[in-house]
Structure formats: C-alpha cells, structure tokens
Amino acid sequence: MKGSDFLATGTTFVFYGMTRASCKFHIGPLCVHIGARDGKFFFTTWQVR
C-alpha cells in the first residue's frame, strides 16, 4: 500500500509509506492521517485493502 501526503498549500504532493496504526479515523475503505510537517498541515489517506 502507498500513502499520499498532500500539503495544504497544494504545492507539494509526495507518496510515502505509513502504517495503519497511525490512522486518525476511517472514511469508508480509506484510512485517514492528519498531522503537520515543516510547520504546514497535511492530510494523508490510505486505501485499505
């Protein structure tokens, strides 16, 4: 599985791996992560198989 990290600024889109253990909540089959990196908010979604 791959996680997609999208900065709120919309300037950066990076694919990287995360563990399901760090899920904040789920939307249907998606595992959603929310956090901050480099002082910017971002959200990460997992497509759970």
Protein backbone atom coordinates (compact mmCIF):
# COMPACT_ATOMS: atom_id res chain seq x y z
CA MET A 1 0.00 0.00 0.00
CA LYS A 2 1.05 3.59 -0.51
CA GLY A 3 0.09 6.70 1.43
CA SER A 4 -0.36 10.02 -0.30
CA ASP A 5 0.76 13.12 1.50
CA PHE A 6 -0.71 16.41 0.26
CA LEU A 7 0.35 19.68 1.85
CA ALA A 8 -2.47 22.14 2.47
CA THR A 9 -0.63 24.68 0.36
CA GLY A 10 -1.19 22.46 -2.65
CA THR A 11 2.44 22.99 -3.67
CA THR A 12 3.73 19.54 -2.80
CA PHE A 13 2.39 16.06 -3.45
CA VAL A 14 4.51 13.22 -2.12
CA PHE A 15 3.92 9.48 -1.97
CA TYR A 16 5.34 7.73 1.04
CA GLY A 17 4.56 4.82 3.32
CA MET A 18 2.74 4.99 6.63
CA THR A 19 1.41 2.36 8.98
CA ARG A 20 -2.28 1.80 9.60
CA ALA A 21 -1.52 2.06 13.31
CA SER A 22 -1.22 5.83 12.90
CA CYS A 23 -4.74 6.19 11.45
CA LYS A 24 -6.76 9.02 12.92
CA PHE A 25 -10.09 7.88 11.50
CA HIS A 26 -11.61 6.00 8.58
CA ILE A 27 -13.82 7.13 5.71
CA GLY A 28 -15.25 4.00 4.13
CA PRO A 29 -12.26 1.95 2.91
CA LEU A 30 -9.86 4.86 3.43
CA CYS A 31 -7.59 5.28 6.41
CA VAL A 32 -7.00 8.97 7.11
CA HIS A 33 -3.97 10.51 8.79
CA ILE A 34 -3.76 14.15 9.86
CA GLY A 35 -0.65 15.85 11.14
CA ALA A 36 1.89 18.57 10.45
CA ARG A 37 5.23 18.66 8.70
CA ASP A 38 7.64 21.56 8.37
CA GLY A 39 5.10 23.80 10.08
CA LYS A 40 2.40 23.04 7.50
CA PHE A 41 -0.73 20.99 7.97
CA PHE A 42 -1.21 17.97 5.79
CA PHE A 43 -3.56 15.04 5.48
CA THR A 44 -2.77 11.53 4.39
CA THR A 45 -5.15 8.88 3.11
CA TRP A 46 -4.65 5.15 2.83
CA GLN A 47 -6.65 2.95 0.55
CA VAL A 48 -7.12 -0.07 2.77
CA ARG A 49 -7.14 -3.41 1.01
